[in-house]
C-alpha cells in the first residue's frame, strides 16, 4: 500500500497542533483555578508563559498581579489586549483599585453595553470587575449577572458564583447568594469553590457546624483547594480552639503558595496555640531582612511574648521594650499589658508588674474581668508575694461579688500568709456571708484568722468559729491537719483558763490524730511546772 507522504505529514502537523492546543487549554484552566484558589504566585508561574498568545491567560495573569498589589504591572499586562473583553474588564478593575471610582463605573458601563442580544460575556466581565473590587455600583453588577444568566443556555456556574458573591455585598443578600451557590453544586458535586462559599455563608451566620460541614465537602471535592483549610483555621481561631486552628493552617500551608503573609499567619497561629518556642523560632526567621517596619514591630512583639513562655525572660524584655516603644497604643490589647506585667513579675520587678497589670485591667472593656484579676492574683501567689496576691483577689471579689468560693478562700489565705490579719478577718467574714451555707471551710478560716489574732490563746475568739466548723465537718473529717489545728488552739485556750475537763478532752482528740504531738507534750510539761510550784504558806 502506498501512502501520500505529504498528506500524512500534514495530518500529523494538524494533530500536533490539536494536542498542543488542548494541552495549553488545560494549562490555562489550571492557572485560572490557581487564581480562584488565591494561589497567585502559582497562577503567575503557569500563566506567564502563555500570556503572549492567549488573551484569557493574560487576563488572569493581570488579575494575579492586581491581587498582590502590583497595580502598575497589572495595568501593563491588561494593556496588551486592549480590544479583548476580559482584559478590558481588567482595566476596569485597575481603575477601581487605583481609587478612580467614577472612571471605573463609566468603563464598566461601556463594557457591558457591548453585549448584544444573546451575547452575555460583556455583562459578565463588567459585573466581575465591580464585584471583586471596591467602589463600584454593586446593584448594577447584580442586574448584569441576572441578565447574563438569563441569556446563557450553557454552564452557568461561574455566573452563579459571581452573582452569589455580589449578593453577599448587599444587606439581606445572603439568602439569594446561598440559592446561587447551591444551584452550582446541584449540577456539579465537585465544585470545591461553591462548597467553600456556602461554608463562608454559614460561618457569617454563626452556624458553625454547617460551616464546618461544607468546608469539609469543599476539601473532599478538591483536596488541593487551600481555601477551606484557611477558613477552618479562622473558624477555630475565632471560637478559641487554637490547636485545631493551627492544624488546619498547617494543612493550608501544604496546599497554598506559602507566601510571607501565609508564614506570618502561621507564626500568629503558633503563638495562639501556645507553641511558644516554635512561634519564637518562626518570628526570628521572618524578621531576617524584613523591610516593612509594621511587620518588624508585629514580629518583634510575637517574639517577645513567646520568649516570656519559652524560658528567655531577658531577651523577652529587650524585644518587648522595642515593641511597646513603637506600637500605636490604640492597637495594644489589654491582654498584652497583662503579659508584660507577668514578665516583670518573673524578673522580680514588682512595681513595674503592678503598673502594667493595672494598665491592662483599666483598658479591658469586658464587663466581667474575673479571669484577668484571678490570673494576676495567681501570678503574685506563685512568686510568694502574698500581700499583692491578696490585694488582687480583693479586686476580684469587689468587681464580681458572685465570684466562686475558691476566689474568696484564696483571698483569706493570702491575707493570712501576708500577716494582714485585720483584712484577713474581713475577708473571712465576707467568705462566710457569701458561701458559708455550702462551704464549711468559711468557718474554719474565720477560726484560723481569729486564732492568729489571739496568738496567745487567751481570749477564745476563735472558738465559736471552730465549733461551727466542727459541727459541719464532724470528727471524721479527712483533712486531719485542719482538725489538729483547731484542737490545738482550743487546748491552749483551756489550759490558760484552767478548764481541766476541756483541756483533757482536746488533748485526747489531738493524740488520736498524732500520738507524738509536740503541742500535747508542751502542754504536759507546762502542767508539770504548774503542779511543781510550791503553794503559798498564807503568812
Protein backbone atom coordinates (compact mmCIF):
# COMPACT_ATOMS: atom_id res chain seq x y z
CA UNK A 1 0.00 0.00 0.00
CA UNK A 2 1.29 3.41 -0.95
CA UNK A 3 0.85 6.43 1.27
CA UNK A 4 0.60 10.09 0.28
CA UNK A 5 3.50 11.27 2.47
CA UNK A 6 2.60 14.94 2.09
CA UNK A 7 -0.90 14.23 3.36
CA UNK A 8 0.42 12.17 6.27
CA UNK A 9 2.82 14.92 7.30
CA UNK A 10 0.03 17.49 7.18
CA UNK A 11 -2.27 15.25 9.24
CA UNK A 12 0.43 14.80 11.88
CA UNK A 13 1.03 18.53 11.93
CA UNK A 14 -2.66 19.24 12.47
CA UNK A 15 -2.79 16.50 15.11
CA UNK A 16 0.20 18.02 16.86
CA UNK A 17 -1.47 21.43 16.79
CA UNK A 18 -4.63 19.93 18.26
CA UNK A 19 -2.83 18.21 21.11
CA UNK A 20 -0.83 21.36 21.80
CA UNK A 21 -3.99 23.49 21.89
CA UNK A 22 -5.68 21.02 24.21
CA UNK A 23 -2.64 20.93 26.49
CA UNK A 24 -2.43 24.73 26.53
CA UNK A 25 -6.14 25.00 27.27
CA UNK A 26 -5.77 22.59 30.19
CA UNK A 27 -2.80 24.57 31.46
CA UNK A 28 -4.73 27.84 31.24
CA UNK A 29 -7.62 26.28 33.15
CA UNK A 30 -5.18 25.11 35.80
CA UNK A 31 -3.74 28.61 36.09
CA UNK A 32 -7.24 30.07 36.39
CA UNK A 33 -8.03 27.56 39.15
CA UNK A 34 -4.88 28.64 40.98
CA UNK A 35 -6.12 32.23 40.77
CA UNK A 36 -9.53 31.34 42.24
CA UNK A 37 -7.79 29.38 44.97
CA UNK A 38 -5.80 32.55 45.77
CA UNK A 39 -2.53 30.89 44.83
CA UNK A 40 -1.38 33.94 42.93
CA UNK A 41 2.30 33.03 42.63
CA UNK A 42 1.38 29.61 41.26
CA UNK A 43 -1.06 31.21 38.84
CA UNK A 44 1.62 33.62 37.62
CA UNK A 45 4.14 30.83 37.01
CA UNK A 46 1.57 28.85 35.00
CA UNK A 47 0.06 31.74 33.05
CA UNK A 48 3.08 33.95 32.29
CA UNK A 49 4.46 31.68 29.51
CA UNK A 50 1.01 31.51 27.89
CA UNK A 51 0.00 35.15 28.14
CA UNK A 52 1.75 36.28 24.95
CA UNK A 53 -0.56 34.15 22.82
CA UNK A 54 -3.64 33.69 24.96
CA UNK A 55 -5.73 36.75 26.00
CA UNK A 56 -7.53 34.78 28.75
CA UNK A 57 -4.25 33.63 30.26
CA UNK A 58 -3.07 37.25 30.04
CA UNK A 59 -6.21 38.45 31.84
CA UNK A 60 -5.82 36.08 34.79
CA UNK A 61 -2.12 36.85 34.93
CA UNK A 62 -3.01 40.54 35.32
CA UNK A 63 -5.61 39.70 37.98
CA UNK A 64 -2.99 37.79 39.94
CA UNK A 65 -0.68 40.80 39.91
CA UNK A 66 -3.59 43.02 40.91
CA UNK A 67 -4.44 40.84 43.90
CA UNK A 68 -0.83 41.06 45.06
CA UNK A 69 -0.96 44.86 44.93
CA UNK A 70 1.23 45.20 41.83
CA UNK A 71 -1.09 47.73 40.19
CA UNK A 72 1.23 49.14 37.54
CA UNK A 73 2.36 45.70 36.45
CA UNK A 74 -1.28 44.59 36.20
CA UNK A 75 -2.15 47.66 34.10
CA UNK A 76 0.68 46.88 31.69
CA UNK A 77 -0.49 43.27 31.35
CA UNK A 78 -4.12 44.20 30.64
CA UNK A 79 -2.98 46.81 28.13
CA UNK A 80 -1.52 44.12 25.86
CA UNK A 81 -5.03 43.17 24.64
CA UNK A 82 -6.93 46.46 24.56
CA UNK A 83 -9.84 45.07 22.49
CA UNK A 84 -10.30 41.83 24.44
CA UNK A 85 -13.37 41.81 26.72
CA UNK A 86 -11.61 40.09 29.61
CA UNK A 87 -8.63 42.44 29.55
CA UNK A 88 -10.95 45.45 29.22
CA UNK A 89 -12.55 44.17 32.43
CA UNK A 90 -9.06 44.06 33.91
CA UNK A 91 -8.60 47.74 33.14
CA UNK A 92 -11.90 48.46 34.94
CA UNK A 93 -10.56 46.62 37.99
CA UNK A 94 -7.36 48.61 37.78
CA UNK A 95 -9.34 51.87 37.84
CA UNK A 96 -11.22 50.80 40.97
CA UNK A 97 -8.03 49.56 42.64
CA UNK A 98 -6.44 52.93 41.80
CA UNK A 99 -9.34 54.68 43.58
CA UNK A 100 -10.61 56.16 40.31
CA UNK A 101 -14.21 55.20 41.10
CA UNK A 102 -16.03 57.43 38.60
CA UNK A 103 -13.86 56.24 35.71
CA UNK A 104 -14.25 52.62 36.84
CA UNK A 105 -18.04 52.80 36.83
CA UNK A 106 -18.05 54.53 33.45
CA UNK A 107 -15.72 51.93 31.93
CA UNK A 108 -17.83 49.10 33.36
CA UNK A 109 -20.95 50.52 31.71
CA UNK A 110 -19.12 50.89 28.40
CA UNK A 111 -18.01 47.27 28.62
CA UNK A 112 -21.48 45.94 29.49
CA UNK A 113 -23.01 47.93 26.63
CA UNK A 114 -21.07 45.77 24.15
CA UNK A 115 -23.48 42.91 24.88
CA UNK A 116 -25.93 42.40 22.04
CA UNK A 117 -28.99 40.13 22.08
CA UNK A 118 -27.76 36.76 23.38
CA UNK A 119 -24.22 37.96 23.95
CA UNK A 120 -23.74 37.88 27.72
CA UNK A 121 -19.94 37.83 28.17
CA UNK A 122 -19.51 41.65 28.26
CA UNK A 123 -22.04 41.87 31.09
CA UNK A 124 -20.33 39.05 32.97
CA UNK A 125 -16.92 40.72 32.75
CA UNK A 126 -18.31 44.12 33.72
CA UNK A 127 -20.12 42.60 36.71
CA UNK A 128 -16.96 40.74 37.78
CA UNK A 129 -14.95 43.96 37.71
CA UNK A 130 -17.36 45.57 40.19
CA UNK A 131 -17.95 42.52 42.39
CA UNK A 132 -14.31 41.70 43.03
CA UNK A 133 -13.14 45.26 43.72
CA UNK A 134 -14.45 48.09 45.88
CA UNK A 135 -16.29 51.26 44.95
CA UNK A 136 -18.42 50.12 42.02
CA UNK A 137 -22.22 50.04 41.72
CA UNK A 138 -22.92 46.57 43.14
CA UNK A 139 -26.64 46.72 42.31
CA UNK A 140 -25.74 47.33 38.68
CA UNK A 141 -23.40 44.31 38.79
CA UNK A 142 -26.23 42.15 40.18
CA UNK A 143 -28.52 43.25 37.35
CA UNK A 144 -25.87 42.38 34.76
CA UNK A 145 -25.28 38.95 36.29
CA UNK A 146 -29.00 38.16 36.24
CA UNK A 147 -29.32 39.29 32.62
CA UNK A 148 -26.27 37.19 31.64
CA UNK A 149 -27.69 34.12 33.41
CA UNK A 150 -30.99 34.54 31.55
CA UNK A 151 -29.17 34.72 28.21
CA UNK A 152 -26.77 31.84 28.85
CA UNK A 153 -28.07 28.44 27.80
CA UNK A 154 -24.92 26.56 28.82
CA UNK A 155 -22.89 26.18 32.02
CA UNK A 156 -23.91 28.97 34.38
CA UNK A 157 -21.79 28.00 37.36
CA UNK A 158 -19.25 30.83 37.06
CA UNK A 159 -22.07 33.37 36.64
CA UNK A 160 -23.98 31.96 39.62
CA UNK A 161 -20.92 32.06 41.88
CA UNK A 162 -20.31 35.65 40.73
CA UNK A 163 -23.93 36.60 41.44
CA UNK A 164 -23.73 34.92 44.85
CA UNK A 165 -20.56 36.86 45.66
CA UNK A 166 -22.24 40.11 44.57
CA UNK A 167 -25.35 39.39 46.67
CA UNK A 168 -23.17 38.93 49.76
CA UNK A 169 -22.08 42.55 49.42
CA UNK A 170 -25.60 43.92 49.96
CA UNK A 171 -27.69 43.85 53.13
CA UNK A 172 -30.00 40.85 53.24
CA UNK A 173 -28.46 39.23 50.18
CA UNK A 174 -27.28 36.06 51.91
CA UNK A 175 -30.36 34.00 51.05
CA UNK A 176 -30.12 34.64 47.31
CA UNK A 177 -26.37 34.09 47.46
CA UNK A 178 -27.00 30.66 49.03
CA UNK A 179 -29.53 29.81 46.32
CA UNK A 180 -26.97 30.51 43.62
CA UNK A 181 -24.16 28.54 45.26
CA UNK A 182 -26.49 25.59 45.84
CA UNK A 183 -27.61 25.71 42.21
CA UNK A 184 -23.97 25.20 41.23
CA UNK A 185 -23.38 22.15 43.41
CA UNK A 186 -26.70 20.59 42.40
CA UNK A 187 -25.20 20.22 38.92
CA UNK A 188 -21.57 19.71 39.93
CA UNK A 189 -20.75 17.99 43.22
CA UNK A 190 -17.04 18.54 42.54
CA UNK A 191 -17.21 22.34 42.60
CA UNK A 192 -14.98 22.94 45.62
CA UNK A 193 -15.25 26.72 45.27
CA UNK A 194 -19.05 26.66 45.63
CA UNK A 195 -18.86 24.49 48.76
CA UNK A 196 -16.29 26.93 50.20
CA UNK A 197 -18.64 29.83 49.55
CA UNK A 198 -21.54 28.02 51.26
CA UNK A 199 -19.28 27.38 54.22
CA UNK A 200 -18.46 31.09 54.35
CA UNK A 201 -22.15 31.99 54.40
CA UNK A 202 -22.88 29.62 57.26
CA UNK A 203 -19.85 30.90 59.11
CA UNK A 204 -21.02 34.51 58.76
CA UNK A 205 -24.40 33.38 60.13
CA UNK A 206 -22.57 31.79 63.12
CA UNK A 207 -23.91 28.37 62.22
CA UNK A 208 -20.51 26.85 62.77
CA UNK A 209 -21.42 23.19 62.37
CA UNK A 210 -22.95 23.79 58.92
CA UNK A 211 -19.90 25.89 58.04
CA UNK A 212 -17.56 23.08 59.08
CA UNK A 213 -19.63 20.51 57.16
CA UNK A 214 -19.40 22.49 53.93
CA UNK A 215 -15.72 23.27 54.33
CA UNK A 216 -15.28 19.51 54.69
CA UNK A 217 -17.20 18.95 51.44
CA UNK A 218 -15.00 21.55 49.76
CA UNK A 219 -11.93 19.56 50.80
CA UNK A 220 -13.48 16.32 49.53
CA UNK A 221 -14.33 17.93 46.20
CA UNK A 222 -10.74 19.06 45.69
CA UNK A 223 -8.11 18.20 48.26
CA UNK A 224 -5.77 20.73 46.63
CA UNK A 225 -8.08 23.66 47.34
CA UNK A 226 -6.40 25.56 50.19
CA UNK A 227 -9.38 27.85 50.90
CA UNK A 228 -11.42 25.52 53.15
CA UNK A 229 -8.35 24.78 55.28
CA UNK A 230 -7.80 28.51 55.81
CA UNK A 231 -11.49 29.05 56.52
CA UNK A 232 -11.49 26.21 59.05
CA UNK A 233 -8.43 27.69 60.71
CA UNK A 234 -10.15 31.06 61.00
CA UNK A 235 -13.32 29.46 62.37
CA UNK A 236 -11.48 27.52 65.05
CA UNK A 237 -9.40 30.57 65.95
CA UNK A 238 -12.49 32.76 66.38
CA UNK A 239 -14.02 30.18 68.69
CA UNK A 240 -10.84 29.94 70.78
CA UNK A 241 -9.88 26.43 69.59
CA UNK A 242 -6.35 27.44 68.72
CA UNK A 243 -4.80 23.98 68.40
CA UNK A 244 -7.40 22.94 65.81
CA UNK A 245 -6.84 26.27 64.08
CA UNK A 246 -3.12 25.56 63.89
CA UNK A 247 -3.68 22.05 62.50
CA UNK A 248 -5.86 23.36 59.68
CA UNK A 249 -3.48 26.20 58.95
CA UNK A 250 -0.66 23.69 58.58
CA UNK A 251 -2.81 21.84 56.03
CA UNK A 252 -3.47 25.15 54.30
CA UNK A 253 0.25 25.84 54.05
CA UNK A 254 0.83 22.48 52.39
CA UNK A 255 -1.57 23.50 49.58
CA UNK A 256 -1.01 27.26 49.39
CA UNK A 257 1.83 29.28 47.85
CA UNK A 258 3.36 29.64 51.32
CA UNK A 259 3.81 33.37 50.90
CA UNK A 260 5.21 35.70 53.54
CA UNK A 261 1.64 36.52 54.60
CA UNK A 262 0.93 32.80 54.97
CA UNK A 263 4.04 32.39 57.11
CA UNK A 264 3.06 35.40 59.21
CA UNK A 265 -0.38 33.89 59.78
CA UNK A 266 1.33 30.63 60.76
CA UNK A 267 3.50 32.49 63.30
CA UNK A 268 0.41 34.07 64.86
CA UNK A 269 -1.30 30.67 64.99
CA UNK A 270 1.68 29.09 66.74
CA UNK A 271 1.57 31.76 69.42
CA UNK A 272 -2.19 31.43 69.92
CA UNK A 273 -1.85 27.65 70.19
CA UNK A 274 0.76 28.22 72.93
CA UNK A 275 3.54 26.67 70.85
CA UNK A 276 5.72 29.46 72.16
CA UNK A 277 9.18 28.16 71.33
CA UNK A 278 8.12 27.34 67.75
CA UNK A 279 6.50 30.77 67.47
CA UNK A 280 9.73 32.42 68.63
CA UNK A 281 11.78 30.47 66.08
CA UNK A 282 9.35 31.31 63.29
CA UNK A 283 9.27 35.02 64.23
CA UNK A 284 13.07 35.22 64.24
CA UNK A 285 13.15 33.63 60.77
CA UNK A 286 10.63 36.12 59.34
CA UNK A 287 12.42 39.08 60.91
CA UNK A 288 15.57 38.43 58.90
CA UNK A 289 15.81 41.08 56.20
CA UNK A 290 12.23 42.26 56.76
CA UNK A 291 11.98 45.82 55.36
CA UNK A 292 8.43 46.68 56.47
CA UNK A 293 8.52 48.48 59.88
CA UNK A 294 4.94 47.45 60.65
CA UNK A 295 5.74 43.79 60.12
CA UNK A 296 9.01 44.14 62.05
CA UNK A 297 7.14 45.50 65.05
CA UNK A 298 4.43 42.83 64.98
CA UNK A 299 7.01 40.06 64.70
CA UNK A 300 9.11 41.61 67.46
CA UNK A 301 6.05 41.58 69.69
CA UNK A 302 5.26 37.93 68.91
CA UNK A 303 8.91 37.07 69.53
CA UNK A 304 8.99 38.85 72.89
CA UNK A 305 5.69 37.45 74.14
CA UNK A 306 6.74 33.96 73.03
CA UNK A 307 10.07 34.27 74.83
CA UNK A 308 8.24 35.00 78.11
CA UNK A 309 6.94 31.45 77.99
CA UNK A 310 10.00 29.91 76.37
CA UNK A 311 12.44 30.48 79.19
CA UNK A 312 14.22 33.60 77.97
CA UNK A 313 12.91 36.44 80.12
CA UNK A 314 15.76 38.90 79.50
CA UNK A 315 15.51 38.53 75.70
CA UNK A 316 11.73 38.89 76.05
CA UNK A 317 12.18 42.14 77.99
CA UNK A 318 14.54 43.51 75.36
CA UNK A 319 12.16 42.71 72.49
CA UNK A 320 9.03 43.88 74.25
CA UNK A 321 10.62 47.19 75.17
CA UNK A 322 11.20 47.71 71.44
CA UNK A 323 7.63 46.62 70.67
CA UNK A 324 5.91 48.88 73.20
CA UNK A 325 8.13 51.83 72.25
CA UNK A 326 6.96 51.74 68.63
CA UNK A 327 3.49 50.20 68.65
CA UNK A 328 0.49 52.51 68.40
CA UNK A 329 -1.10 52.42 71.91
CA UNK A 330 -4.54 52.24 70.31
CA UNK A 331 -3.57 48.87 68.81
CA UNK A 332 -2.25 47.33 72.03
CA UNK A 333 -4.78 44.96 73.56
CA UNK A 334 -5.23 44.91 77.36
CA UNK A 335 -4.00 41.32 77.41
CA UNK A 336 -0.63 42.47 76.07
CA UNK A 337 -0.14 44.70 79.11
CA UNK A 338 -1.12 41.80 81.37
CA UNK A 339 1.50 39.57 79.74
CA UNK A 340 4.07 42.37 80.05
CA UNK A 341 3.22 42.61 83.74
CA UNK A 342 3.79 38.86 84.13
CA UNK A 343 7.24 39.27 82.62
CA UNK A 344 8.18 41.98 85.11
CA UNK A 345 6.90 39.77 87.92
CA UNK A 346 9.14 36.93 86.71
CA UNK A 347 12.05 39.34 86.89
CA UNK A 348 11.01 40.40 90.43
CA UNK A 349 10.27 43.94 89.23
CA UNK A 350 7.02 44.11 91.20
CA UNK A 351 6.36 47.85 90.82
CA UNK A 352 6.50 47.61 87.02
CA UNK A 353 4.46 44.41 87.18
CA UNK A 354 1.71 46.15 89.14
CA UNK A 355 1.77 49.14 86.79
CA UNK A 356 1.23 47.08 83.66
CA UNK A 357 -1.29 44.78 85.30
CA UNK A 358 -3.36 47.82 86.24
CA UNK A 359 -2.90 49.30 82.76
CA UNK A 360 -4.26 46.09 81.27
CA UNK A 361 -7.18 45.98 83.69
CA UNK A 362 -8.18 49.59 83.10
CA UNK A 363 -8.08 49.11 79.34
CA UNK A 364 -10.24 45.99 79.41
CA UNK A 365 -13.79 46.97 78.47
CA UNK A 366 -15.17 43.49 79.19
CA UNK A 367 -17.93 43.51 81.79
CA UNK A 368 -16.52 40.59 83.73
CA UNK A 369 -12.80 40.88 84.47
CA UNK A 370 -12.79 37.98 86.92
CA UNK A 371 -10.41 35.83 84.89
CA UNK A 372 -7.94 38.68 84.48
CA UNK A 373 -7.96 39.51 88.19
CA UNK A 374 -7.51 35.83 89.03
CA UNK A 375 -4.57 35.46 86.63
CA UNK A 376 -2.84 38.42 88.23
CA UNK A 377 -3.56 37.20 91.76
CA UNK A 378 -2.23 33.75 90.94
CA UNK A 379 0.88 35.22 89.33
CA UNK A 380 1.72 37.09 92.56
CA UNK A 381 0.85 33.97 94.57
CA UNK A 382 3.32 31.93 92.51
CA UNK A 383 6.03 34.49 93.37
CA UNK A 384 5.01 34.23 97.07
CA UNK A 385 4.12 37.91 97.10
CA UNK A 386 1.13 37.17 99.28
CA UNK A 387 0.17 40.74 100.10
CA UNK A 388 -0.09 41.67 96.40
CA UNK A 389 -1.95 38.45 95.68
CA UNK A 390 -4.44 39.24 98.45
CA UNK A 391 -4.90 42.72 97.00
CA UNK A 392 -5.79 41.32 93.57
CA UNK A 393 -8.13 38.69 95.00
CA UNK A 394 -9.85 41.57 96.78
CA UNK A 395 -10.13 43.43 93.48
CA UNK A 396 -11.69 40.29 92.04
CA UNK A 397 -14.43 39.81 94.64
CA UNK A 398 -15.20 43.54 94.73
CA UNK A 399 -15.60 43.60 90.94
CA UNK A 400 -17.57 40.35 90.96
CA UNK A 401 -19.29 39.60 94.30
CA UNK A 402 -20.67 36.39 92.77
CA UNK A 403 -17.16 35.02 92.25
CA UNK A 404 -16.58 31.36 93.03
CA UNK A 405 -15.87 30.19 96.57
CA UNK A 406 -12.24 29.38 95.67
CA UNK A 407 -11.58 33.06 94.95
CA UNK A 408 -12.98 34.05 98.35
CA UNK A 409 -10.98 31.45 100.24
CA UNK A 410 -7.72 32.28 98.47
CA UNK A 411 -8.28 35.91 99.36
CA UNK A 412 -8.44 34.92 103.05
CA UNK A 413 -5.42 32.63 102.76
CA UNK A 414 -3.30 35.28 101.08
CA UNK A 415 -4.10 37.83 103.78
CA UNK A 416 -3.30 35.17 106.41
CA UNK A 417 0.10 34.39 104.86
CA UNK A 418 0.72 38.12 104.45
CA UNK A 419 0.03 38.50 108.19
CA UNK A 420 -2.52 41.22 107.42
CA UNK A 421 -4.94 39.72 109.92
CA UNK A 422 -7.32 42.70 110.06
CA UNK A 423 -8.12 42.47 106.35
CA UNK A 424 -7.91 38.69 106.68
CA UNK A 425 -10.77 38.70 109.18
CA UNK A 426 -12.84 40.99 106.96
CA UNK A 427 -12.20 38.64 104.03
CA UNK A 428 -13.07 35.56 106.13
CA UNK A 429 -16.35 37.12 107.30
CA UNK A 430 -17.29 38.04 103.72
CA UNK A 431 -16.45 34.50 102.63
CA UNK A 432 -18.75 33.10 105.32
CA UNK A 433 -21.54 35.53 104.45
CA UNK A 434 -21.36 34.65 100.74
CA UNK A 435 -20.61 30.93 100.78
CA UNK A 436 -20.94 29.75 104.39
CA UNK A 437 -24.13 27.82 103.65
CA UNK A 438 -22.31 25.48 101.29
CA UNK A 439 -18.64 25.89 102.27
CA UNK A 440 -17.78 24.79 105.85
CA UNK A 441 -14.21 25.97 105.21
CA UNK A 442 -15.51 29.53 105.63
CA UNK A 443 -15.91 28.88 109.38
CA UNK A 444 -12.53 27.16 109.53
CA UNK A 445 -10.77 30.18 108.07
CA UNK A 446 -12.64 32.52 110.36
CA UNK A 447 -11.27 30.42 113.20
CA UNK A 448 -7.79 30.25 111.70
CA UNK A 449 -7.50 34.03 111.34
CA UNK A 450 -9.09 34.66 114.75
CA UNK A 451 -6.64 32.23 116.38
CA UNK A 452 -3.73 34.08 114.74
CA UNK A 453 -5.10 37.33 116.13
CA UNK A 454 -5.39 35.65 119.56
CA UNK A 455 -1.92 34.16 119.20
CA UNK A 456 -1.60 33.55 122.99
CA UNK A 457 -4.97 31.76 123.07
CA UNK A 458 -6.20 33.93 125.95
CA UNK A 459 -9.47 35.40 124.60
CA UNK A 460 -11.02 32.34 122.98
CA UNK A 461 -12.01 34.48 119.97
CA UNK A 462 -11.55 31.62 117.53
CA UNK A 463 -13.60 29.04 119.46
CA UNK A 464 -17.11 29.97 118.15
CA UNK A 465 -15.87 29.72 114.55
CA UNK A 466 -14.08 26.43 115.11
CA UNK A 467 -17.10 24.98 116.87
CA UNK A 468 -19.41 25.87 113.95
CA UNK A 469 -16.92 24.33 111.56
CA UNK A 470 -16.58 21.12 113.64
CA UNK A 471 -20.36 20.78 113.80
CA UNK A 472 -20.47 20.77 110.00
CA UNK A 473 -17.49 18.53 109.18
CA UNK A 474 -17.57 16.13 112.17
CA UNK A 475 -14.70 14.30 113.88
CA UNK A 476 -14.07 12.03 110.84
CA UNK A 477 -13.19 14.92 108.56
CA UNK A 478 -10.50 13.75 106.13
CA UNK A 479 -8.19 16.77 106.50
CA UNK A 480 -6.69 15.75 109.84
CA UNK A 481 -4.20 18.62 109.99
CA UNK A 482 -7.08 21.11 109.90
CA UNK A 483 -8.77 19.27 112.77
CA UNK A 484 -5.50 19.23 114.69
CA UNK A 485 -5.02 23.00 114.14
CA UNK A 486 -8.46 23.74 115.63
CA UNK A 487 -7.98 21.31 118.51
CA UNK A 488 -4.59 22.81 119.41
CA UNK A 489 -5.99 26.32 119.70
CA UNK A 490 -8.77 25.04 121.96
CA UNK A 491 -6.30 23.02 124.06
CA UNK A 492 -4.11 26.06 124.69
CA UNK A 493 -7.12 28.24 125.50
CA UNK A 494 -8.49 25.74 128.03
CA UNK A 495 -5.04 25.39 129.57
CA UNK A 496 -4.84 29.18 130.01
CA UNK A 497 -8.33 29.30 131.50
CA UNK A 498 -7.61 26.29 133.79
CA UNK A 499 -10.56 24.33 132.34
CA UNK A 500 -9.12 20.89 133.06
CA UNK A 501 -12.07 18.94 131.69
CA UNK A 502 -11.96 20.53 128.24
CA UNK A 503 -8.17 20.54 128.31
CA UNK A 504 -8.20 16.77 128.76
CA UNK A 505 -10.80 16.38 126.00
CA UNK A 506 -8.80 18.23 123.35
CA UNK A 507 -5.52 16.63 124.34
CA UNK A 508 -7.13 13.27 123.63
CA UNK A 509 -8.51 14.46 120.29
CA UNK A 510 -5.06 15.64 119.23
CA UNK A 511 -3.37 12.42 120.30
CA UNK A 512 -5.92 10.40 118.33
CA UNK A 513 -4.63 12.19 115.23
CA UNK A 514 -0.97 12.47 116.22
CA UNK A 515 0.19 10.21 119.08
CA UNK A 516 3.55 12.04 119.16
CA UNK A 517 2.11 15.52 119.21
CA UNK A 518 4.66 18.13 120.25
CA UNK A 519 1.94 20.54 121.33
CA UNK A 520 0.49 17.99 123.75
CA UNK A 521 3.96 17.28 125.15
CA UNK A 522 4.49 21.02 125.57
CA UNK A 523 1.22 21.37 127.49
CA UNK A 524 2.08 18.43 129.67
CA UNK A 525 5.46 20.00 130.51
CA UNK A 526 3.68 23.23 131.42
CA UNK A 527 1.23 21.30 133.60
CA UNK A 528 4.15 19.69 135.45
CA UNK A 529 5.73 23.07 136.05
CA UNK A 530 2.48 24.48 137.40
CA UNK A 531 1.92 21.48 139.64
CA UNK A 532 5.53 21.62 140.92
CA UNK A 533 5.28 25.22 142.13
CA UNK A 534 5.19 25.47 145.94
CA UNK A 535 1.92 26.68 147.38
CA UNK A 536 1.88 29.94 149.31
CA UNK A 537 2.00 29.49 153.17
CA UNK A 538 -0.62 32.16 153.60
CA UNK A 539 1.51 34.02 156.15
